[in-house]
C-alpha atoms as a PDB file:
ATOM      1  CA  MET A   1     156.163 109.343  80.487  1.00  0.00           C
ATOM      2  CA  LYS A   2     159.769 109.387  79.362  1.00  0.00           C
ATOM      3  CA  LYS A   3     159.803 112.046  75.524  1.00  0.00           C
ATOM      4  CA  TYR A   4     161.535 109.679  73.311  1.00  0.00           C
ATOM      5  CA  MET A   5     164.254 111.571  70.263  1.00  0.00           C
ATOM      6  CA  ILE A   6     162.514 109.840  67.232  1.00  0.00           C
ATOM      7  CA  PRO A   7     161.130 111.518  64.405  1.00  0.00           C
ATOM      8  CA  PHE A   8     157.724 111.567  63.358  1.00  0.00           C
ATOM      9  CA  ILE A   9     157.854 109.271  60.540  1.00  0.00           C
ATOM     10  CA  VAL A  10     158.884 106.686  62.117  1.00  0.00           C
ATOM     11  CA  GLY A  11     157.448 103.442  61.731  1.00  0.00           C
ATOM     12  CA  ALA A  12     153.835 102.798  63.813  1.00  0.00           C
ATOM     13  CA  MET A  13     154.980  99.396  64.987  1.00  0.00           C
ATOM     14  CA  LEU A  14     158.288 101.092  66.579  1.00  0.00           C
ATOM     15  CA  THR A  15     156.223 103.695  68.087  1.00  0.00           C
ATOM     16  CA  THR A  16     153.964 101.629  68.881  1.00  0.00           C
ATOM     17  CA  GLY A  17     156.523  99.754  71.494  1.00  0.00           C
ATOM     18  CA  CYS A  18     157.742 102.585  73.003  1.00  0.00           C
ATOM     19  CA  PHE A  19     155.257 103.687  74.348  1.00  0.00           C
ATOM     20  CA  SER A  20     153.866 100.078  75.254  1.00  0.00           C
ATOM     21  CA  LYS A  21     157.134 100.567  77.222  1.00  0.00           C
ATOM     22  CA  SER A  22     156.691 103.315  78.664  1.00  0.00           C
ATOM     23  CA  ALA A  23     152.786 101.798  79.865  1.00  0.00           C
ATOM     24  CA  ASN A  24     154.576  98.865  81.685  1.00  0.00           C
ATOM     25  CA  GLU A  25     157.609 101.570  83.014  1.00  0.00           C
ATOM     26  CA  GLU A  26     154.206 103.401  84.368  1.00  0.00           C
ATOM     27  CA  LYS A  27     152.736 100.203  85.671  1.00  0.00           C
ATOM     28  CA  GLN A  28     155.567  98.975  87.596  1.00  0.00           C
ATOM     29  CA  ALA A  29     156.649 102.096  89.103  1.00  0.00           C
ATOM     30  CA  GLU A  30     152.552 102.767  90.589  1.00  0.00           C
ATOM     31  CA  ALA A  31     152.737  98.972  91.605  1.00  0.00           C
ATOM     32  CA  THR A  32     155.933  98.863  93.719  1.00  0.00           C
ATOM     33  CA  ARG A  33     154.693 102.703  94.999  1.00  0.00           C
ATOM     34  CA  ARG A  34     151.642 100.666  96.311  1.00  0.00           C
ATOM     35  CA  LEU A  35     153.727  98.195  98.113  1.00  0.00           C
ATOM     36  CA  GLY A  36     155.078 101.219  99.964  1.00  0.00           C
ATOM     37  CA  GLU A  37     151.917 102.734 100.620  1.00  0.00           C
ATOM     38  CA  ALA A  38     150.820  99.473 101.617  1.00  0.00           C
ATOM     39  CA  TYR A  39     154.523  99.743 104.248  1.00  0.00           C
ATOM     40  CA  ILE A  40     153.443 103.066 105.838  1.00  0.00           C
ATOM     41  CA  HIS A  41     150.146 101.659 107.081  1.00  0.00           C
ATOM     42  CA  GLN A  42     151.822  99.397 108.567  1.00  0.00           C
ATOM     43  CA  GLY A  43     154.064 101.790 110.259  1.00  0.00           C
ATOM     44  CA  GLU A  44     157.464  99.473 107.794  1.00  0.00           C
ATOM     45  CA  PHE A  45     159.202 103.431 107.513  1.00  0.00           C
ATOM     46  CA  THR A  46     162.055 101.889 106.924  1.00  0.00           C
ATOM     47  CA  LEU A  47     160.569  99.094 104.049  1.00  0.00           C
ATOM     48  CA  ALA A  48     158.238 101.813 102.794  1.00  0.00           C
ATOM     49  CA  ILE A  49     161.061 104.285 101.692  1.00  0.00           C
ATOM     50  CA  GLN A  50     163.638 101.267 100.193  1.00  0.00           C
ATOM     51  CA  LYS A  51     159.908 100.701  97.500  1.00  0.00           C
ATOM     52  CA  LEU A  52     159.036 103.338  97.828  1.00  0.00           C
ATOM     53  CA  SER A  53     162.525 105.164  96.291  1.00  0.00           C
ATOM     54  CA  GLU A  54     162.726 102.144  93.701  1.00  0.00           C
ATOM     55  CA  ALA A  55     159.314 103.545  92.299  1.00  0.00           C
ATOM     56  CA  GLU A  56     160.315 106.723  91.858  1.00  0.00           C
ATOM     57  CA  LYS A  57     163.943 105.386  89.854  1.00  0.00           C
ATOM     58  CA  ILE A  58     161.006 104.244  87.324  1.00  0.00           C
ATOM     59  CA  ASN A  59     158.920 107.128  87.140  1.00  0.00           C
ATOM     60  CA  PRO A  60     160.900 110.178  89.163  1.00  0.00           C
ATOM     61  CA  ASP A  61     158.248 112.887  87.782  1.00  0.00           C
ATOM     62  CA  ASP A  62     155.046 111.495  90.191  1.00  0.00           C
ATOM     63  CA  HIS A  63     153.755 113.425  92.603  1.00  0.00           C
ATOM     64  CA  ILE A  64     152.238 111.260  94.424  1.00  0.00           C
ATOM     65  CA  THR A  65     155.486 109.091  94.812  1.00  0.00           C
ATOM     66  CA  GLN A  66     157.092 112.313  96.075  1.00  0.00           C
ATOM     67  CA  ASP A  67     154.764 112.489  98.817  1.00  0.00           C
ATOM     68  CA  ASN A  68     154.610 108.981  99.691  1.00  0.00           C
ATOM     69  CA  LEU A  69     158.222 109.420 100.181  1.00  0.00           C
ATOM     70  CA  GLY A  70     158.012 112.724 102.578  1.00  0.00           C
ATOM     71  CA  ILE A  71     155.281 110.521 104.515  1.00  0.00           C
ATOM     72  CA  ALA A  72     157.620 107.780 105.142  1.00  0.00           C
ATOM     73  CA  TYR A  73     160.160 110.193 106.299  1.00  0.00           C
ATOM     74  CA  MET A  74     158.451 111.608 108.353  1.00  0.00           C
ATOM     75  CA  GLY A  75     157.627 108.506 110.029  1.00  0.00           C
ATOM     76  CA  ARG A  76     161.490 108.521 111.070  1.00  0.00           C
ATOM     77  CA  LYS A  77     161.340 111.624 111.670  1.00  0.00           C
ATOM     78  CA  GLU A  78     164.028 112.820 109.004  1.00  0.00           C
ATOM     79  CA  TYR A  79     162.512 116.337 108.366  1.00  0.00           C
ATOM     80  CA  ASP A  80     164.673 117.541 106.403  1.00  0.00           C
ATOM     81  CA  LYS A  81     164.194 114.900 103.893  1.00  0.00           C
ATOM     82  CA  SER A  82     160.105 114.974 104.306  1.00  0.00           C
ATOM     83  CA  ILE A  83     160.184 118.587 103.658  1.00  0.00           C
ATOM     84  CA  GLN A  84     162.337 118.268 100.256  1.00  0.00           C
ATOM     85  CA  HIS A  85     159.539 115.431  99.021  1.00  0.00           C
ATOM     86  CA  PHE A  86     156.536 116.840  99.523  1.00  0.00           C
ATOM     87  CA  LYS A  87     158.023 120.286  98.639  1.00  0.00           C
ATOM     88  CA  ARG A  88     159.087 118.216  95.022  1.00  0.00           C
ATOM     89  CA  ALA A  89     155.418 117.040  95.328  1.00  0.00           C
ATOM     90  CA  ILE A  90     154.517 120.237  95.042  1.00  0.00           C
ATOM     91  CA  GLU A  91     156.355 121.543  92.445  1.00  0.00           C
ATOM     92  CA  LEU A  92     155.415 118.279  89.915  1.00  0.00           C
ATOM     93  CA  LYS A  93     151.280 119.553  90.959  1.00  0.00           C
ATOM     94  CA  PRO A  94     151.301 122.731  92.420  1.00  0.00           C
ATOM     95  CA  ASP A  95     147.283 122.107  93.214  1.00  0.00           C
ATOM     96  CA  TYR A  96     147.697 119.105  95.239  1.00  0.00           C
ATOM     97  CA  ALA A  97     146.395 119.532  98.542  1.00  0.00           C
ATOM     98  CA  PRO A  98     147.346 116.387 100.574  1.00  0.00           C
ATOM     99  CA  ALA A  99     150.869 117.316  99.798  1.00  0.00           C
ATOM    100  CA  ILE A 100     150.498 121.503 100.849  1.00  0.00           C
ATOM    101  CA  ASN A 101     149.273 119.498 104.322  1.00  0.00           C
ATOM    102  CA  ASN A 102     151.354 117.403 104.801  1.00  0.00           C
ATOM    103  CA  LEU A 103     154.195 119.580 104.934  1.00  0.00           C
ATOM    104  CA  GLY A 104     152.635 121.854 107.561  1.00  0.00           C
ATOM    105  CA  THR A 105     152.219 118.095 109.168  1.00  0.00           C
ATOM    106  CA  VAL A 106     155.819 118.127 108.765  1.00  0.00           C
ATOM    107  CA  TYR A 107     156.653 121.207 110.181  1.00  0.00           C
ATOM    108  CA  MET A 108     154.358 121.754 112.878  1.00  0.00           C
ATOM    109  CA  ASP A 109     155.843 118.293 114.079  1.00  0.00           C
ATOM    110  CA  ALA A 110     159.219 119.910 114.130  1.00  0.00           C
ATOM    111  CA  GLY A 111     158.391 123.543 115.821  1.00  0.00           C
ATOM    112  CA  LYS A 112     158.474 125.260 113.025  1.00  0.00           C
ATOM    113  CA  TRP A 113     154.916 126.777 113.461  1.00  0.00           C
ATOM    114  CA  ASP A 114     154.983 129.725 110.969  1.00  0.00           C
ATOM    115  CA  ASP A 115     155.910 127.910 108.463  1.00  0.00           C
ATOM    116  CA  ALA A 116     153.005 125.407 109.335  1.00  0.00           C
ATOM    117  CA  ILE A 117     150.418 128.230 109.487  1.00  0.00           C
ATOM    118  CA  ALA A 118     151.403 129.308 105.779  1.00  0.00           C
ATOM    119  CA  CYS A 119     150.943 125.477 104.712  1.00  0.00           C
ATOM    120  CA  PHE A 120     147.926 125.231 106.041  1.00  0.00           C
ATOM    121  CA  GLU A 121     146.170 128.333 104.862  1.00  0.00           C
ATOM    122  CA  LYS A 122     147.024 128.061 101.138  1.00  0.00           C
ATOM    123  CA  LEU A 123     144.015 125.497 101.791  1.00  0.00           C
ATOM    124  CA  ASN A 124     141.756 127.311 104.027  1.00  0.00           C
ATOM    125  CA  ASP A 125     139.758 128.258 100.410  1.00  0.00           C
ATOM    126  CA  ASN A 126     140.387 125.340  98.771  1.00  0.00           C
ATOM    127  CA  LEU A 127     137.210 124.212  98.019  1.00  0.00           C
ATOM    128  CA  ILE A 128     137.877 121.280  96.281  1.00  0.00           C
ATOM    129  CA  TYR A 129     140.135 120.035  98.820  1.00  0.00           C
ATOM    130  CA  ALA A 130     137.558 116.979  99.910  1.00  0.00           C
ATOM    131  CA  THR A 131     138.631 116.854 103.541  1.00  0.00           C
ATOM    132  CA  PRO A 132     139.055 121.061 104.849  1.00  0.00           C
ATOM    133  CA  HIS A 133     138.731 119.433 108.611  1.00  0.00           C
ATOM    134  CA  TYR A 134     142.266 117.943 108.613  1.00  0.00           C
ATOM    135  CA  PRO A 135     144.385 120.867 108.039  1.00  0.00           C
ATOM    136  CA  MET A 136     141.803 123.601 110.362  1.00  0.00           C
ATOM    137  CA  ALA A 137     142.675 121.486 113.020  1.00  0.00           C
ATOM    138  CA  ASN A 138     146.283 120.978 112.497  1.00  0.00           C
ATOM    139  CA  LEU A 139     146.095 125.554 111.875  1.00  0.00           C
ATOM    140  CA  GLY A 140     144.137 125.202 115.629  1.00  0.00           C
ATOM    141  CA  TRP A 141     147.195 122.950 117.147  1.00  0.00           C
ATOM    142  CA  VAL A 142     149.254 125.440 115.791  1.00  0.00           C
ATOM    143  CA  TYR A 143     148.125 128.477 117.462  1.00  0.00           C
ATOM    144  CA  TYR A 144     147.647 126.367 120.349  1.00  0.00           C
ATOM    145  CA  ASN A 145     151.227 125.932 120.605  1.00  0.00           C
ATOM    146  CA  LYS A 146     151.772 129.903 120.025  1.00  0.00           C
ATOM    147  CA  LYS A 147     149.385 130.513 122.988  1.00  0.00           C
ATOM    148  CA  MET A 148     146.929 132.287 120.688  1.00  0.00           C
ATOM    149  CA  TYR A 149     143.740 130.912 121.999  1.00  0.00           C
ATOM    150  CA  GLU A 150     141.157 132.827 120.354  1.00  0.00           C
ATOM    151  CA  LYS A 151     142.717 131.877 117.066  1.00  0.00           C
ATOM    152  CA  SER A 152     142.874 128.643 118.062  1.00  0.00           C
ATOM    153  CA  LYS A 153     139.379 128.200 119.634  1.00  0.00           C
ATOM    154  CA  ALA A 154     137.777 129.414 115.946  1.00  0.00           C
ATOM    155  CA  CYS A 155     140.138 127.250 113.631  1.00  0.00           C
ATOM    156  CA  TYR A 156     138.579 124.389 115.731  1.00  0.00           C
ATOM    157  CA  LEU A 157     135.051 125.582 115.598  1.00  0.00           C
ATOM    158  CA  LYS A 158     135.332 125.966 111.877  1.00  0.00           C
ATOM    159  CA  ALA A 159     137.029 122.450 111.646  1.00  0.00           C
ATOM    160  CA  LEU A 160     133.523 121.577 113.746  1.00  0.00           C
ATOM    161  CA  THR A 161     131.840 122.845 111.069  1.00  0.00           C
ATOM    162  CA  TYR A 162     133.104 120.658 108.412  1.00  0.00           C
ATOM    163  CA  SER A 163     132.773 117.968 110.206  1.00  0.00           C
ATOM    164  CA  PRO A 164     130.948 117.789 113.408  1.00  0.00           C
ATOM    165  CA  ASN A 165     132.016 114.836 115.114  1.00  0.00           C
ATOM    166  CA  PHE A 166     135.560 115.205 114.188  1.00  0.00           C
ATOM    167  CA  VAL A 167     137.403 113.841 117.805  1.00  0.00           C
ATOM    168  CA  LYS A 168     141.171 115.326 117.210  1.00  0.00           C
ATOM    169  CA  ALA A 169     139.545 118.337 116.699  1.00  0.00           C
ATOM    170  CA  MET A 170     136.808 118.302 120.203  1.00  0.00           C
ATOM    171  CA  ARG A 171     140.479 117.456 121.577  1.00  0.00           C
ATOM    172  CA  GLY A 172     142.180 120.805 120.469  1.00  0.00           C
ATOM    173  CA  LEU A 173     139.195 122.529 120.852  1.00  0.00           C
ATOM    174  CA  ALA A 174     138.837 121.020 124.715  1.00  0.00           C
ATOM    175  CA  LEU A 175     142.950 121.544 125.820  1.00  0.00           C
ATOM    176  CA  THR A 176     142.339 125.285 124.220  1.00  0.00           C
ATOM    177  CA  TYR A 177     138.853 125.842 126.584  1.00  0.00           C
ATOM    178  CA  THR A 178     140.572 124.629 129.172  1.00  0.00           C
ATOM    179  CA  ALA A 179     144.005 126.707 128.850  1.00  0.00           C
ATOM    180  CA  MET A 180     141.394 129.528 128.346  1.00  0.00           C
ATOM    181  CA  GLY A 181     140.798 128.723 131.831  1.00  0.00           C
ATOM    182  CA  LYS A 182     136.948 127.578 130.493  1.00  0.00           C
ATOM    183  CA  ASN A 183     137.464 124.184 132.423  1.00  0.00           C
ATOM    184  CA  ASP A 184     133.402 124.030 131.506  1.00  0.00           C
ATOM    185  CA  LEU A 185     133.350 124.545 128.859  1.00  0.00           C
ATOM    186  CA  ALA A 186     136.203 121.353 128.058  1.00  0.00           C
ATOM    187  CA  ILE A 187     135.070 119.515 129.395  1.00  0.00           C
ATOM    188  CA  GLU A 188     131.368 119.837 127.454  1.00  0.00           C
ATOM    189  CA  THR A 189     133.284 119.066 124.707  1.00  0.00           C
ATOM    190  CA  LEU A 190     135.430 116.300 126.466  1.00  0.00           C
ATOM    191  CA  ASN A 191     132.113 114.746 127.295  1.00  0.00           C
ATOM    192  CA  LYS A 192     131.178 114.819 123.616  1.00  0.00           C
ATOM    193  CA  ALA A 193     134.148 113.271 122.427  1.00  0.00           C
ATOM    194  CA  LEU A 194     134.444 110.592 124.572  1.00  0.00           C
ATOM    195  CA  LYS A 195     130.536 109.715 123.095  1.00  0.00           C
ATOM    196  CA  ILE A 196     132.526 109.152 120.017  1.00  0.00           C
ATOM    197  CA  SER A 197     135.421 107.715 121.563  1.00  0.00           C
ATOM    198  CA  PRO A 198     134.807 106.467 124.810  1.00  0.00           C
ATOM    199  CA  ASN A 199     138.373 104.341 124.749  1.00  0.00           C
ATOM    200  CA  VAL A 200     141.202 106.506 123.845  1.00  0.00           C
ATOM    201  CA  ALA A 201     143.531 106.957 127.090  1.00  0.00           C
ATOM    202  CA  GLU A 202     144.387 110.654 125.930  1.00  0.00           C
ATOM    203  CA  LEU A 203     140.509 112.371 126.256  1.00  0.00           C
ATOM    204  CA  HIS A 204     140.637 111.007 129.974  1.00  0.00           C
ATOM    205  CA  TYR A 205     143.397 112.005 130.800  1.00  0.00           C
ATOM    206  CA  ASP A 206     142.459 115.917 129.486  1.00  0.00           C
ATOM    207  CA  ILE A 207     139.071 115.825 130.871  1.00  0.00           C
ATOM    208  CA  GLY A 208     140.531 114.825 134.169  1.00  0.00           C
ATOM    209  CA  GLU A 209     143.095 118.104 134.345  1.00  0.00           C
ATOM    210  CA  ALA A 210     140.019 119.796 133.318  1.00  0.00           C
ATOM    211  CA  TYR A 211     138.148 118.617 136.512  1.00  0.00           C
ATOM    212  CA  TYR A 212     140.590 118.694 138.806  1.00  0.00           C
ATOM    213  CA  LYS A 213     141.081 122.455 137.544  1.00  0.00           C
ATOM    214  CA  SER A 214     137.892 122.821 138.770  1.00  0.00           C
ATOM    215  CA  GLY A 215     137.956 121.486 141.252  1.00  0.00           C
ATOM    216  CA  GLN A 216     136.597 117.848 141.355  1.00  0.00           C
ATOM    217  CA  ASN A 217     138.878 115.296 142.840  1.00  0.00           C
ATOM    218  CA  GLU A 218     136.703 113.103 142.138  1.00  0.00           C
ATOM    219  CA  GLN A 219     135.914 112.368 138.870  1.00  0.00           C
ATOM    220  CA  ALA A 220     139.331 113.821 138.037  1.00  0.00           C
ATOM    221  CA  MET A 221     140.646 110.620 140.104  1.00  0.00           C
ATOM    222  CA  ALA A 222     138.607 108.676 138.407  1.00  0.00           C
ATOM    223  CA  SER A 223     138.936 109.945 134.769  1.00  0.00           C
ATOM    224  CA  PHE A 224     143.257 110.085 135.319  1.00  0.00           C
ATOM    225  CA  GLN A 225     141.970 105.563 136.269  1.00  0.00           C
ATOM    226  CA  LYS A 226     141.228 105.230 133.333  1.00  0.00           C
ATOM    227  CA  ALA A 227     143.473 106.767 131.480  1.00  0.00           C
ATOM    228  CA  VAL A 228     145.782 104.358 133.260  1.00  0.00           C
ATOM    229  CA  GLU A 229     143.859 101.272 132.631  1.00  0.00           C
ATOM    230  CA  LEU A 230     143.749 102.401 128.427  1.00  0.00           C
ATOM    231  CA  GLY A 231     146.845 103.644 127.809  1.00  0.00           C
ATOM    232  CA  LYS A 232     148.405 100.684 128.254  1.00  0.00           C
ATOM    233  CA  ASN A 233     152.299 101.812 127.127  1.00  0.00           C
ATOM    234  CA  ARG A 234     152.094 105.746 126.493  1.00  0.00           C
ATOM    235  CA  PRO A 235     153.259 108.203 127.609  1.00  0.00           C
ATOM    236  CA  VAL A 236     149.676 109.205 128.937  1.00  0.00           C
ATOM    237  CA  VAL A 237     150.364 106.183 131.429  1.00  0.00           C
ATOM    238  CA  GLU A 238     153.105 107.832 133.261  1.00  0.00           C
ATOM    239  CA  MET A 239     151.341 111.114 133.487  1.00  0.00           C
ATOM    240  CA  ALA A 240     147.679 110.440 134.561  1.00  0.00           C
ATOM    241  CA  LYS A 241     149.824 108.433 137.364  1.00  0.00           C
ATOM    242  CA  LYS A 242     152.056 111.025 138.497  1.00  0.00           C
ATOM    243  CA  LYS A 243     148.527 113.090 138.357  1.00  0.00           C
ATOM    244  CA  LEU A 244     146.697 110.257 141.200  1.00  0.00           C
ATOM    245  CA  GLU A 245     150.321 111.051 143.151  1.00  0.00           C
ATOM    246  CA  LEU A 246     149.575 114.067 143.468  1.00  0.00           C
ATOM    247  CA  MET A 247     145.874 114.207 144.763  1.00  0.00           C
END
């Protein structure tokens, strides 16, 4: 809400009028922000940025608008702008866990692993954060990419204590097991994930890799073929086709 330099003795009608205008502006900003959020959900990041920027002009100190702008710019892979808006959201509301997690995510997407760790670790002890399995799984992915597999495994296992059917954590744990040479554990974990999400091509590809590395070629071929069938035009299709050509 804007601050008005009005003496306390100004009449009630004038004072009420000022606050009414501010309330209308806030409603307009929120409505515009929600339209921007809808565009984000549709993957229309340019349109989202346009609407969210309009909302920002009306209410520049809304941490949710700043967070959404960060998400939209991240969708366009404009990481510097995304980081700027996530940091602004945290500056406005230092305990806003979604923005902290999102900042860590954009650092992760940009390959800034240590910066990502610093963000996700801030959320470890945040007992009021409703979805702690997300930053914990993200932290597992960071450690996986840093080839710190024991730490990666520990993070994924902890994420699964928060949310036992969290497929993203199951997949990350399986990839970590595969990297550690524990293919049987990877296969076991991926089979659990496939019972929950049987039509995810990437899961079939991953289990194909684990089967292949454990010498179970028949099962590997069937899994790679299933990945091709489900993957449509995603990169996993070409990856699976190359594996099939080598077998």
